[in-house]
Amino acid sequence: MEHGPLVSIITSTHNHEKYIGRCIESVLAQTYSNWEQIIVDDGSTDRTGEVASKFKDERVHYVRQENVGVWRLAETYNKALRLANGELVAILEGDDFAPPRKLEAQVPSFERKEVVLTFGKAVIVNMDGRILGVTPENYQRYMSMSRNQMLRELLLGDFIPALTVMCRREALQKVGGFKQPKHAYYVDYPTWLELSLLGEFRFIDKVLAYWGKHGDNYSIKFAELNQSYKCAIDFFRRRSNELSRLTGFTLEQLLFGVQQQLSNDYFHFGRNALHRHNWQRAEKRFRQSFQMGTFTKKLKASLGIACSHLKIDMEMPARLIGKSTLHQIT
């Protein structure tokens, strides 16, 4: 597909020599050809720049800067945004890659002027390319959500895989570019919150990117939990009248909803710790889930605490209780 608006693909990278080639190759393979890729290298100390510079396609632009790190990530993203010429902006970090029809699948949604952002499914793969899962989970629920329903869901947590996102450059500029609250090392969630007030988000039921998982992403994810929920609460407080009108939430309802989401998150971190036979960490997470959860969640967390003490996974008691209750327990 050759006709259509220019898409600027923003690629932030740092020490991704093992992955950046795969990332660029996936962009070169796009069936939609009207794109540019802006790679901002945040002071890599490996061969990232050497690998990226081997690609001679004039649509691939490599820029190196002195290292500013994740705590100034918005500077890196906004530098790329200033260099972008496209009407649309897509996100694809240096250790991720895209299927050939990613751009072709997303661009048509922007024919509707109300749409400011689209996202889809991301497949999680390990270093060997083995599939570990798909995010977001229960993605079918986002297919028929209204704008206000999507906003309600977004206030309760970030379900949008950043590597699948495409949005209007004009909208990003209108909110002042990519956002990064103090003490946060990410830009995606606070930016989506701001964009949600400008128009519709559209979910596309296709795999739009592959998320390369290397290292213990669970510890990273856990570290950002409280900060991301704080981000949503601060956002609501700043715009409480407008957000209450759009979502029907009061601040008290949002705080309760966030608490239940945290309870769920702690429970799932406990499950992961059980799988890894980290019994002490599992018990800690289940106790955190118990403290915040409703009666039903407390029952599930109590089972998790018991399994942590017995040093067994939750599959064993679930089999004893019966397969029909396994889904309810987990």
C-alpha atoms as a PDB file:
ATOM      1  CA  MET A   1       0.000   0.000   0.000  1.00  0.00           C
ATOM      2  CA  GLU A   2       1.615   3.261  -1.143  1.00  0.00           C
ATOM      3  CA  HIS A   3      -1.051   5.916  -0.748  1.00  0.00           C
ATOM      4  CA  GLY A   4      -2.013   7.468   2.556  1.00  0.00           C
ATOM      5  CA  PRO A   5      -0.592   9.763   5.228  1.00  0.00           C
ATOM      6  CA  LEU A   6       3.053   9.668   6.227  1.00  0.00           C
ATOM      7  CA  VAL A   7       3.649   7.650   9.403  1.00  0.00           C
ATOM      8  CA  SER A   8       6.588   8.601  11.634  1.00  0.00           C
ATOM      9  CA  ILE A   9       7.799   5.578  13.599  1.00  0.00           C
ATOM     10  CA  ILE A  10       9.551   6.657  16.807  1.00  0.00           C
ATOM     11  CA  THR A  11      12.205   4.220  17.988  1.00  0.00           C
ATOM     12  CA  SER A  12      13.946   4.900  21.280  1.00  0.00           C
ATOM     13  CA  THR A  13      16.952   2.656  21.795  1.00  0.00           C
ATOM     14  CA  HIS A  14      19.805   2.053  24.221  1.00  0.00           C
ATOM     15  CA  ASN A  15      22.272  -0.824  24.059  1.00  0.00           C
ATOM     16  CA  HIS A  16      20.043  -2.859  21.746  1.00  0.00           C
ATOM     17  CA  GLU A  17      22.717  -4.180  19.380  1.00  0.00           C
ATOM     18  CA  LYS A  18      21.157  -7.664  19.563  1.00  0.00           C
ATOM     19  CA  TYR A  19      17.693  -6.403  18.605  1.00  0.00           C
ATOM     20  CA  ILE A  20      17.863  -3.133  16.656  1.00  0.00           C
ATOM     21  CA  GLY A  21      18.563  -4.877  13.336  1.00  0.00           C
ATOM     22  CA  ARG A  22      15.457  -7.029  13.720  1.00  0.00           C
ATOM     23  CA  CYS A  23      13.436  -3.920  14.604  1.00  0.00           C
ATOM     24  CA  ILE A  24      14.543  -1.979  11.511  1.00  0.00           C
ATOM     25  CA  GLU A  25      14.085  -4.981   9.227  1.00  0.00           C
ATOM     26  CA  SER A  26      10.490  -5.336  10.424  1.00  0.00           C
ATOM     27  CA  VAL A  27       9.837  -1.707   9.476  1.00  0.00           C
ATOM     28  CA  LEU A  28      11.468  -2.136   6.057  1.00  0.00           C
ATOM     29  CA  ALA A  29       9.158  -5.116   5.467  1.00  0.00           C
ATOM     30  CA  GLN A  30       5.976  -3.060   5.945  1.00  0.00           C
ATOM     31  CA  THR A  31       3.374  -3.424   3.200  1.00  0.00           C
ATOM     32  CA  TYR A  32       2.467   0.243   3.774  1.00  0.00           C
ATOM     33  CA  SER A  33       5.420   2.136   2.339  1.00  0.00           C
ATOM     34  CA  ASN A  34       4.760   5.792   3.271  1.00  0.00           C
ATOM     35  CA  TRP A  35       6.697   5.866   6.532  1.00  0.00           C
ATOM     36  CA  GLU A  36       9.828   7.219   8.151  1.00  0.00           C
ATOM     37  CA  GLN A  37      11.636   5.721  11.135  1.00  0.00           C
ATOM     38  CA  ILE A  38      13.290   8.077  13.576  1.00  0.00           C
ATOM     39  CA  ILE A  39      15.750   6.213  15.785  1.00  0.00           C
ATOM     40  CA  VAL A  40      17.047   8.138  18.775  1.00  0.00           C
ATOM     41  CA  ASP A  41      19.973   6.342  20.382  1.00  0.00           C
ATOM     42  CA  ASP A  42      20.330   7.358  24.031  1.00  0.00           C
ATOM     43  CA  GLY A  43      24.093   7.067  24.234  1.00  0.00           C
ATOM     44  CA  SER A  44      24.505   3.335  23.619  1.00  0.00           C
ATOM     45  CA  THR A  45      27.876   1.906  24.621  1.00  0.00           C
ATOM     46  CA  ASP A  46      27.562  -1.224  22.486  1.00  0.00           C
ATOM     47  CA  ARG A  47      27.273  -1.647  18.693  1.00  0.00           C
ATOM     48  CA  THR A  48      23.698  -0.348  18.417  1.00  0.00           C
ATOM     49  CA  GLY A  49      24.764   2.639  16.304  1.00  0.00           C
ATOM     50  CA  GLU A  50      26.975   0.527  14.054  1.00  0.00           C
ATOM     51  CA  VAL A  51      24.165  -1.935  13.362  1.00  0.00           C
ATOM     52  CA  ALA A  52      21.576   0.788  12.736  1.00  0.00           C
ATOM     53  CA  SER A  53      23.878   2.702  10.396  1.00  0.00           C
ATOM     54  CA  LYS A  54      24.217  -0.306   8.090  1.00  0.00           C
ATOM     55  CA  PHE A  55      20.672   0.263   6.822  1.00  0.00           C
ATOM     56  CA  LYS A  56      20.861   2.695   3.913  1.00  0.00           C
ATOM     57  CA  ASP A  57      17.155   3.225   3.243  1.00  0.00           C
ATOM     58  CA  GLU A  58      16.589   6.993   3.168  1.00  0.00           C
ATOM     59  CA  ARG A  59      13.441   6.568   5.279  1.00  0.00           C
ATOM     60  CA  VAL A  60      15.503   5.347   8.250  1.00  0.00           C
ATOM     61  CA  HIS A  61      16.985   8.224  10.258  1.00  0.00           C
ATOM     62  CA  TYR A  62      19.488   7.452  13.030  1.00  0.00           C
ATOM     63  CA  VAL A  63      20.233  10.149  15.637  1.00  0.00           C
ATOM     64  CA  ARG A  64      22.607   9.711  18.552  1.00  0.00           C
ATOM     65  CA  GLN A  65      22.462  11.763  21.745  1.00  0.00           C
ATOM     66  CA  GLU A  66      24.362  11.820  25.004  1.00  0.00           C
ATOM     67  CA  ASN A  67      22.818   9.440  27.496  1.00  0.00           C
ATOM     68  CA  VAL A  68      19.995  10.992  29.551  1.00  0.00           C
ATOM     69  CA  GLY A  69      18.521   7.744  30.871  1.00  0.00           C
ATOM     70  CA  VAL A  70      14.994   6.566  31.635  1.00  0.00           C
ATOM     71  CA  TRP A  71      14.258   9.331  34.133  1.00  0.00           C
ATOM     72  CA  ARG A  72      14.424  11.798  31.242  1.00  0.00           C
ATOM     73  CA  LEU A  73      12.779   9.492  28.710  1.00  0.00           C
ATOM     74  CA  ALA A  74      10.273  12.173  27.690  1.00  0.00           C
ATOM     75  CA  GLU A  75      13.172  14.254  26.374  1.00  0.00           C
ATOM     76  CA  THR A  76      14.189  11.396  24.088  1.00  0.00           C
ATOM     77  CA  TYR A  77      10.654  10.821  22.828  1.00  0.00           C
ATOM     78  CA  ASN A  78       9.956  14.509  22.328  1.00  0.00           C
ATOM     79  CA  LYS A  79      13.212  14.927  20.443  1.00  0.00           C
ATOM     80  CA  ALA A  80      11.986  12.261  18.021  1.00  0.00           C
ATOM     81  CA  LEU A  81       8.584  13.955  17.881  1.00  0.00           C
ATOM     82  CA  ARG A  82      10.200  17.268  16.872  1.00  0.00           C
ATOM     83  CA  LEU A  83      12.009  15.463  14.054  1.00  0.00           C
ATOM     84  CA  ALA A  84       8.824  13.724  12.888  1.00  0.00           C
ATOM     85  CA  ASN A  85       7.195  14.863   9.655  1.00  0.00           C
ATOM     86  CA  GLY A  86       4.295  12.410   9.619  1.00  0.00           C
ATOM     87  CA  GLU A  87       0.657  13.122  10.199  1.00  0.00           C
ATOM     88  CA  LEU A  88       0.607   9.933  12.272  1.00  0.00           C
ATOM     89  CA  VAL A  89       3.099   8.735  14.896  1.00  0.00           C
ATOM     90  CA  ALA A  90       3.753   5.088  15.757  1.00  0.00           C
ATOM     91  CA  ILE A  91       5.821   3.699  18.651  1.00  0.00           C
ATOM     92  CA  LEU A  92       8.305   0.835  18.260  1.00  0.00           C
ATOM     93  CA  GLU A  93      11.237   0.581  20.663  1.00  0.00           C
ATOM     94  CA  GLY A  94      14.578  -0.813  19.599  1.00  0.00           C
ATOM     95  CA  ASP A  95      14.132  -4.259  21.142  1.00  0.00           C
ATOM     96  CA  ASP A  96      10.663  -4.807  19.648  1.00  0.00           C
ATOM     97  CA  PHE A  97       9.515  -5.577  16.113  1.00  0.00           C
ATOM     98  CA  ALA A  98       6.358  -5.449  14.006  1.00  0.00           C
ATOM     99  CA  PRO A  99       4.507  -7.769  11.614  1.00  0.00           C
ATOM    100  CA  PRO A 100       4.512  -6.672   7.936  1.00  0.00           C
ATOM    101  CA  ARG A 101       0.912  -5.420   7.892  1.00  0.00           C
ATOM    102  CA  LYS A 102       1.037  -3.349  11.087  1.00  0.00           C
ATOM    103  CA  LEU A 103       0.864   0.073   9.421  1.00  0.00           C
ATOM    104  CA  GLU A 104      -1.565  -1.119   6.770  1.00  0.00           C
ATOM    105  CA  ALA A 105      -3.911  -2.340   9.525  1.00  0.00           C
ATOM    106  CA  GLN A 106      -3.826   0.884  11.546  1.00  0.00           C
ATOM    107  CA  VAL A 107      -3.786   3.781   9.107  1.00  0.00           C
ATOM    108  CA  PRO A 108      -7.390   3.367   7.780  1.00  0.00           C
ATOM    109  CA  SER A 109      -8.850   3.953  11.271  1.00  0.00           C
ATOM    110  CA  PHE A 110      -7.692   7.556  11.116  1.00  0.00           C
ATOM    111  CA  GLU A 111     -10.040   8.315   8.229  1.00  0.00           C
ATOM    112  CA  ARG A 112     -12.470   9.094  11.053  1.00  0.00           C
ATOM    113  CA  LYS A 113     -11.378  12.448  12.465  1.00  0.00           C
ATOM    114  CA  GLU A 114     -12.684  11.511  15.923  1.00  0.00           C
ATOM    115  CA  VAL A 115      -9.990   8.823  16.288  1.00  0.00           C
ATOM    116  CA  VAL A 116      -6.790  10.082  17.941  1.00  0.00           C
ATOM    117  CA  LEU A 117      -5.165   6.760  18.891  1.00  0.00           C
ATOM    118  CA  THR A 118      -5.274   3.126  17.825  1.00  0.00           C
ATOM    119  CA  PHE A 119      -3.746   0.083  19.490  1.00  0.00           C
ATOM    120  CA  GLY A 120      -3.874  -3.678  19.157  1.00  0.00           C
ATOM    121  CA  LYS A 121      -2.454  -6.940  20.425  1.00  0.00           C
ATOM    122  CA  ALA A 122       1.207  -7.467  21.237  1.00  0.00           C
ATOM    123  CA  VAL A 123       2.741 -10.935  21.321  1.00  0.00           C
ATOM    124  CA  ILE A 124       5.329 -11.409  24.072  1.00  0.00           C
ATOM    125  CA  VAL A 125       8.365 -13.411  22.918  1.00  0.00           C
ATOM    126  CA  ASN A 126      11.569 -14.422  24.651  1.00  0.00           C
ATOM    127  CA  MET A 127      15.095 -14.060  23.277  1.00  0.00           C
ATOM    128  CA  ASP A 128      14.686 -17.285  21.288  1.00  0.00           C
ATOM    129  CA  GLY A 129      11.455 -16.100  19.698  1.00  0.00           C
ATOM    130  CA  ARG A 130       9.260 -18.444  21.746  1.00  0.00           C
ATOM    131  CA  ILE A 131       5.773 -17.027  22.380  1.00  0.00           C
ATOM    132  CA  LEU A 132       5.120 -16.335  26.060  1.00  0.00           C
ATOM    133  CA  GLY A 133       1.714 -14.683  25.859  1.00  0.00           C
ATOM    134  CA  VAL A 134      -0.461 -11.964  24.382  1.00  0.00           C
ATOM    135  CA  THR A 135      -1.300  -8.556  25.826  1.00  0.00           C
ATOM    136  CA  PRO A 136      -3.744  -7.047  26.600  1.00  0.00           C
ATOM    137  CA  GLU A 137      -5.487  -9.986  28.201  1.00  0.00           C
ATOM    138  CA  ASN A 138      -9.226 -10.378  27.530  1.00  0.00           C
ATOM    139  CA  TYR A 139      -8.721  -8.066  24.566  1.00  0.00           C
ATOM    140  CA  GLN A 140     -12.181  -8.797  23.134  1.00  0.00           C
ATOM    141  CA  ARG A 141     -13.744  -6.460  25.693  1.00  0.00           C
ATOM    142  CA  TYR A 142     -12.091  -3.423  24.084  1.00  0.00           C
ATOM    143  CA  MET A 143     -13.625  -4.041  20.663  1.00  0.00           C
ATOM    144  CA  SER A 144     -17.028  -2.548  21.404  1.00  0.00           C
ATOM    145  CA  MET A 145     -16.218  -0.019  24.125  1.00  0.00           C
ATOM    146  CA  SER A 146     -17.526   3.504  23.798  1.00  0.00           C
ATOM    147  CA  ARG A 147     -15.160   6.425  24.273  1.00  0.00           C
ATOM    148  CA  ASN A 148     -16.326   6.982  27.852  1.00  0.00           C
ATOM    149  CA  GLN A 149     -16.091   3.272  28.689  1.00  0.00           C
ATOM    150  CA  MET A 150     -12.535   3.237  27.349  1.00  0.00           C
ATOM    151  CA  LEU A 151     -11.707   6.252  29.499  1.00  0.00           C
ATOM    152  CA  ARG A 152     -13.132   4.566  32.615  1.00  0.00           C
ATOM    153  CA  GLU A 153     -11.031   1.489  31.921  1.00  0.00           C
ATOM    154  CA  LEU A 154      -7.911   3.549  31.319  1.00  0.00           C
ATOM    155  CA  LEU A 155      -8.250   5.339  34.653  1.00  0.00           C
ATOM    156  CA  LEU A 156      -8.106   1.941  36.362  1.00  0.00           C
ATOM    157  CA  GLY A 157      -4.849   0.932  34.701  1.00  0.00           C
ATOM    158  CA  ASP A 158      -2.798   0.983  31.527  1.00  0.00           C
ATOM    159  CA  PHE A 159      -3.970  -1.841  29.274  1.00  0.00           C
ATOM    160  CA  ILE A 160      -2.557  -0.328  26.058  1.00  0.00           C
ATOM    161  CA  PRO A 161       0.681  -1.932  24.783  1.00  0.00           C
ATOM    162  CA  ALA A 162       2.792   1.092  23.839  1.00  0.00           C
ATOM    163  CA  LEU A 163       4.554  -0.771  21.035  1.00  0.00           C
ATOM    164  CA  THR A 164       1.232  -1.177  19.204  1.00  0.00           C
ATOM    165  CA  VAL A 165       0.192   2.474  19.438  1.00  0.00           C
ATOM    166  CA  MET A 166      -0.340   4.855  16.544  1.00  0.00           C
ATOM    167  CA  CYS A 167      -1.692   8.358  17.180  1.00  0.00           C
ATOM    168  CA  ARG A 168      -2.132  11.725  15.527  1.00  0.00           C
ATOM    169  CA  ARG A 169       0.944  13.963  15.715  1.00  0.00           C
ATOM    170  CA  GLU A 170      -1.341  16.997  15.990  1.00  0.00           C
ATOM    171  CA  ALA A 171      -2.961  15.523  19.120  1.00  0.00           C
ATOM    172  CA  LEU A 172       0.429  14.790  20.693  1.00  0.00           C
ATOM    173  CA  GLN A 173       1.521  18.350  20.057  1.00  0.00           C
ATOM    174  CA  LYS A 174      -1.731  19.682  21.475  1.00  0.00           C
ATOM    175  CA  VAL A 175      -1.091  17.987  24.853  1.00  0.00           C
ATOM    176  CA  GLY A 176       2.498  19.228  24.875  1.00  0.00           C
ATOM    177  CA  GLY A 177       4.204  16.065  23.657  1.00  0.00           C
ATOM    178  CA  PHE A 178       5.007  12.933  25.600  1.00  0.00           C
ATOM    179  CA  LYS A 179       4.440  13.187  29.347  1.00  0.00           C
ATOM    180  CA  GLN A 180       6.624  11.903  32.162  1.00  0.00           C
ATOM    181  CA  PRO A 181       5.578  12.645  35.750  1.00  0.00           C
ATOM    182  CA  LYS A 182       8.248  13.084  38.369  1.00  0.00           C
ATOM    183  CA  HIS A 183       9.654   9.775  39.676  1.00  0.00           C
ATOM    184  CA  ALA A 184       8.207   7.847  36.689  1.00  0.00           C
ATOM    185  CA  TYR A 185      10.474   6.161  34.147  1.00  0.00           C
ATOM    186  CA  TYR A 186       7.858   5.776  31.404  1.00  0.00           C
ATOM    187  CA  VAL A 187       5.962   8.117  29.097  1.00  0.00           C
ATOM    188  CA  ASP A 188       3.191   5.976  27.661  1.00  0.00           C
ATOM    189  CA  TYR A 189       0.456   5.867  30.324  1.00  0.00           C
ATOM    190  CA  PRO A 190       0.433   9.578  31.283  1.00  0.00           C
ATOM    191  CA  THR A 191       0.462  10.454  27.588  1.00  0.00           C
ATOM    192  CA  TRP A 192      -2.499   8.176  26.804  1.00  0.00           C
ATOM    193  CA  LEU A 193      -4.442   9.740  29.688  1.00  0.00           C
ATOM    194  CA  GLU A 194      -3.981  13.204  28.216  1.00  0.00           C
ATOM    195  CA  LEU A 195      -4.872  12.050  24.692  1.00  0.00           C
ATOM    196  CA  SER A 196      -8.024  10.325  25.932  1.00  0.00           C
ATOM    197  CA  LEU A 197      -9.681  13.724  26.415  1.00  0.00           C
ATOM    198  CA  LEU A 198      -9.121  14.717  22.788  1.00  0.00           C
ATOM    199  CA  GLY A 199     -10.910  11.927  20.945  1.00  0.00           C
ATOM    200  CA  GLU A 200     -11.593   8.243  20.473  1.00  0.00           C
ATOM    201  CA  PHE A 201      -9.257   5.313  21.042  1.00  0.00           C
ATOM    202  CA  ARG A 202      -9.773   2.436  18.620  1.00  0.00           C
ATOM    203  CA  PHE A 203      -8.790  -1.166  19.367  1.00  0.00           C
ATOM    204  CA  ILE A 204      -7.721  -3.224  16.330  1.00  0.00           C
ATOM    205  CA  ASP A 205      -8.136  -6.962  16.714  1.00  0.00           C
ATOM    206  CA  LYS A 206      -4.804  -7.857  15.138  1.00  0.00           C
ATOM    207  CA  VAL A 207      -1.275  -8.544  16.308  1.00  0.00           C
ATOM    208  CA  LEU A 208       0.470  -5.223  15.736  1.00  0.00           C
ATOM    209  CA  ALA A 209       3.825  -5.822  17.417  1.00  0.00           C
ATOM    210  CA  TYR A 210       6.110  -8.324  19.101  1.00  0.00           C
ATOM    211  CA  TRP A 211       7.438  -7.450  22.540  1.00  0.00           C
ATOM    212  CA  GLY A 212      10.891  -8.869  23.126  1.00  0.00           C
ATOM    213  CA  LYS A 213      11.131  -9.925  26.746  1.00  0.00           C
ATOM    214  CA  HIS A 214      14.648 -10.171  28.153  1.00  0.00           C
ATOM    215  CA  GLY A 215      15.529  -9.999  31.834  1.00  0.00           C
ATOM    216  CA  ASP A 216      13.052 -10.092  34.703  1.00  0.00           C
ATOM    217  CA  ASN A 217      10.290  -7.839  33.420  1.00  0.00           C
ATOM    218  CA  TYR A 218       8.128  -8.765  36.413  1.00  0.00           C
ATOM    219  CA  SER A 219      10.355  -6.858  38.832  1.00  0.00           C
ATOM    220  CA  ILE A 220      10.261  -3.843  36.526  1.00  0.00           C
ATOM    221  CA  LYS A 221       6.485  -4.068  36.198  1.00  0.00           C
ATOM    222  CA  PHE A 222       6.041  -4.299  39.942  1.00  0.00           C
ATOM    223  CA  ALA A 223       8.193  -1.223  40.530  1.00  0.00           C
ATOM    224  CA  GLU A 224       5.948   0.912  38.327  1.00  0.00           C
ATOM    225  CA  LEU A 225       2.595  -0.252  39.721  1.00  0.00           C
ATOM    226  CA  ASN A 226       2.055   2.273  42.479  1.00  0.00           C
ATOM    227  CA  GLN A 227       3.467   5.116  40.396  1.00  0.00           C
ATOM    228  CA  SER A 228       1.116   4.414  37.479  1.00  0.00           C
ATOM    229  CA  TYR A 229      -1.945   4.327  39.722  1.00  0.00           C
ATOM    230  CA  LYS A 230      -0.791   7.552  41.384  1.00  0.00           C
ATOM    231  CA  CYS A 231      -0.518   9.030  37.908  1.00  0.00           C
ATOM    232  CA  ALA A 232      -4.172   8.189  37.180  1.00  0.00           C
ATOM    233  CA  ILE A 233      -5.385   9.585  40.503  1.00  0.00           C
ATOM    234  CA  ASP A 234      -3.428  12.818  40.046  1.00  0.00           C
ATOM    235  CA  PHE A 235      -4.817  13.130  36.524  1.00  0.00           C
ATOM    236  CA  PHE A 236      -8.366  12.697  37.836  1.00  0.00           C
ATOM    237  CA  ARG A 237      -7.867  15.266  40.588  1.00  0.00           C
ATOM    238  CA  ARG A 238      -6.619  17.848  38.092  1.00  0.00           C
ATOM    239  CA  ARG A 239      -9.666  17.366  35.857  1.00  0.00           C
ATOM    240  CA  SER A 240     -12.223  15.972  38.289  1.00  0.00           C
ATOM    241  CA  ASN A 241     -15.255  17.878  36.987  1.00  0.00           C
ATOM    242  CA  GLU A 242     -14.721  16.876  33.361  1.00  0.00           C
ATOM    243  CA  LEU A 243     -13.766  13.285  34.157  1.00  0.00           C
ATOM    244  CA  SER A 244     -16.671  12.811  36.559  1.00  0.00           C
ATOM    245  CA  ARG A 245     -19.037  13.965  33.828  1.00  0.00           C
ATOM    246  CA  LEU A 246     -17.516  11.659  31.207  1.00  0.00           C
ATOM    247  CA  THR A 247     -17.041   8.545  33.325  1.00  0.00           C
ATOM    248  CA  GLY A 248     -19.521   8.824  36.183  1.00  0.00           C
ATOM    249  CA  PHE A 249     -16.647   8.268  38.627  1.00  0.00           C
ATOM    250  CA  THR A 250     -16.291  10.142  41.873  1.00  0.00           C
ATOM    251  CA  LEU A 251     -12.826  10.356  43.379  1.00  0.00           C
ATOM    252  CA  GLU A 252     -13.878   7.868  46.068  1.00  0.00           C
ATOM    253  CA  GLN A 253     -15.086   5.379  43.462  1.00  0.00           C
ATOM    254  CA  LEU A 254     -11.864   5.715  41.513  1.00  0.00           C
ATOM    255  CA  LEU A 255      -9.775   5.175  44.634  1.00  0.00           C
ATOM    256  CA  PHE A 256     -11.764   2.024  45.435  1.00  0.00           C
ATOM    257  CA  GLY A 257     -11.430   0.760  41.867  1.00  0.00           C
ATOM    258  CA  VAL A 258      -7.691   1.385  41.889  1.00  0.00           C
ATOM    259  CA  GLN A 259      -7.386  -0.462  45.191  1.00  0.00           C
ATOM    260  CA  GLN A 260      -9.117  -3.516  43.710  1.00  0.00           C
ATOM    261  CA  GLN A 261      -6.892  -3.394  40.642  1.00  0.00           C
ATOM    262  CA  LEU A 262      -3.857  -3.295  42.914  1.00  0.00           C
ATOM    263  CA  SER A 263      -5.228  -6.278  44.819  1.00  0.00           C
ATOM    264  CA  ASN A 264      -5.528  -8.180  41.530  1.00  0.00           C
ATOM    265  CA  ASP A 265      -2.008  -7.166  40.503  1.00  0.00           C
ATOM    266  CA  TYR A 266      -0.493  -8.259  43.800  1.00  0.00           C
ATOM    267  CA  PHE A 267      -2.322 -11.583  43.514  1.00  0.00           C
ATOM    268  CA  HIS A 268      -0.917 -12.236  40.035  1.00  0.00           C
ATOM    269  CA  PHE A 269       2.583 -11.300  41.177  1.00  0.00           C
ATOM    270  CA  GLY A 270       2.106 -13.821  43.980  1.00  0.00           C
ATOM    271  CA  ARG A 271       1.098 -16.454  41.423  1.00  0.00           C
ATOM    272  CA  ASN A 272       4.205 -15.714  39.385  1.00  0.00           C
ATOM    273  CA  ALA A 273       6.395 -15.995  42.488  1.00  0.00           C
ATOM    274  CA  LEU A 274       4.822 -19.393  43.260  1.00  0.00           C
ATOM    275  CA  HIS A 275       5.664 -20.608  39.758  1.00  0.00           C
ATOM    276  CA  ARG A 276       9.251 -19.541  40.388  1.00  0.00           C
ATOM    277  CA  HIS A 277       9.243 -21.261  43.814  1.00  0.00           C
ATOM    278  CA  ASN A 278      10.003 -17.950  45.492  1.00  0.00           C
ATOM    279  CA  TRP A 279       7.811 -18.781  48.494  1.00  0.00           C
ATOM    280  CA  GLN A 280       8.722 -15.767  50.634  1.00  0.00           C
ATOM    281  CA  ARG A 281       8.018 -13.240  47.903  1.00  0.00           C
ATOM    282  CA  ALA A 282       4.794 -15.046  46.997  1.00  0.00           C
ATOM    283  CA  GLU A 283       3.498 -14.814  50.563  1.00  0.00           C
ATOM    284  CA  LYS A 284       4.323 -11.107  50.702  1.00  0.00           C
ATOM    285  CA  ARG A 285       2.382 -10.376  47.515  1.00  0.00           C
ATOM    286  CA  PHE A 286      -0.603 -12.481  48.575  1.00  0.00           C
ATOM    287  CA  ARG A 287      -0.726 -10.650  51.919  1.00  0.00           C
ATOM    288  CA  GLN A 288      -0.739  -7.327  50.071  1.00  0.00           C
ATOM    289  CA  SER A 289      -3.591  -8.601  47.915  1.00  0.00           C
ATOM    290  CA  PHE A 290      -5.473  -9.746  51.032  1.00  0.00           C
ATOM    291  CA  GLN A 291      -5.160  -6.346  52.722  1.00  0.00           C
ATOM    292  CA  MET A 292      -6.694  -4.487  49.777  1.00  0.00           C
ATOM    293  CA  GLY A 293      -9.177  -6.977  48.377  1.00  0.00           C
ATOM    294  CA  THR A 294     -12.872  -7.611  48.703  1.00  0.00           C
ATOM    295  CA  PHE A 295     -14.143 -10.724  50.508  1.00  0.00           C
ATOM    296  CA  THR A 296     -13.761 -12.914  47.404  1.00  0.00           C
ATOM    297  CA  LYS A 297     -10.248 -11.644  46.747  1.00  0.00           C
ATOM    298  CA  LYS A 298      -9.333 -12.255  50.386  1.00  0.00           C
ATOM    299  CA  LEU A 299     -10.370 -15.901  49.988  1.00  0.00           C
ATOM    300  CA  LYS A 300      -8.157 -16.301  46.923  1.00  0.00           C
ATOM    301  CA  ALA A 301      -5.254 -14.527  48.630  1.00  0.00           C
ATOM    302  CA  SER A 302      -5.661 -16.751  51.695  1.00  0.00           C
ATOM    303  CA  LEU A 303      -5.259 -19.816  49.490  1.00  0.00           C
ATOM    304  CA  GLY A 304      -2.135 -18.249  48.035  1.00  0.00           C
ATOM    305  CA  ILE A 305      -0.706 -17.613  51.500  1.00  0.00           C
ATOM    306  CA  ALA A 306      -1.378 -21.230  52.463  1.00  0.00           C
ATOM    307  CA  CYS A 307       0.336 -22.480  49.293  1.00  0.00           C
ATOM    308  CA  SER A 308       3.333 -20.264  50.055  1.00  0.00           C
ATOM    309  CA  HIS A 309       3.668 -21.862  53.498  1.00  0.00           C
ATOM    310  CA  LEU A 310       3.255 -25.367  52.092  1.00  0.00           C
ATOM    311  CA  LYS A 311       5.651 -24.566  49.232  1.00  0.00           C
ATOM    312  CA  ILE A 312       3.300 -25.778  46.533  1.00  0.00           C
ATOM    313  CA  ASP A 313       1.765 -24.158  43.487  1.00  0.00           C
ATOM    314  CA  MET A 314      -1.947 -23.320  43.427  1.00  0.00           C
ATOM    315  CA  GLU A 315      -2.589 -25.965  40.777  1.00  0.00           C
ATOM    316  CA  MET A 316      -2.448 -28.746  43.376  1.00  0.00           C
ATOM    317  CA  PRO A 317      -5.256 -27.536  45.677  1.00  0.00           C
ATOM    318  CA  ALA A 318      -7.214 -26.493  42.604  1.00  0.00           C
ATOM    319  CA  ARG A 319      -7.115 -30.083  41.326  1.00  0.00           C
ATOM    320  CA  LEU A 320      -8.220 -31.365  44.722  1.00  0.00           C
ATOM    321  CA  ILE A 321     -11.143 -28.932  44.808  1.00  0.00           C
ATOM    322  CA  GLY A 322     -12.061 -29.741  41.231  1.00  0.00           C
ATOM    323  CA  LYS A 323     -11.198 -28.516  37.763  1.00  0.00           C
ATOM    324  CA  SER A 324     -14.455 -26.585  37.515  1.00  0.00           C
ATOM    325  CA  THR A 325     -13.253 -24.158  40.181  1.00  0.00           C
ATOM    326  CA  LEU A 326      -9.754 -23.677  38.817  1.00  0.00           C
ATOM    327  CA  HIS A 327     -10.709 -20.606  36.808  1.00  0.00           C
ATOM    328  CA  GLN A 328     -12.458 -19.093  39.801  1.00  0.00           C
ATOM    329  CA  ILE A 329      -9.382 -19.590  41.975  1.00  0.00           C
ATOM    330  CA  THR A 330      -6.846 -18.256  39.508  1.00  0.00           C
END
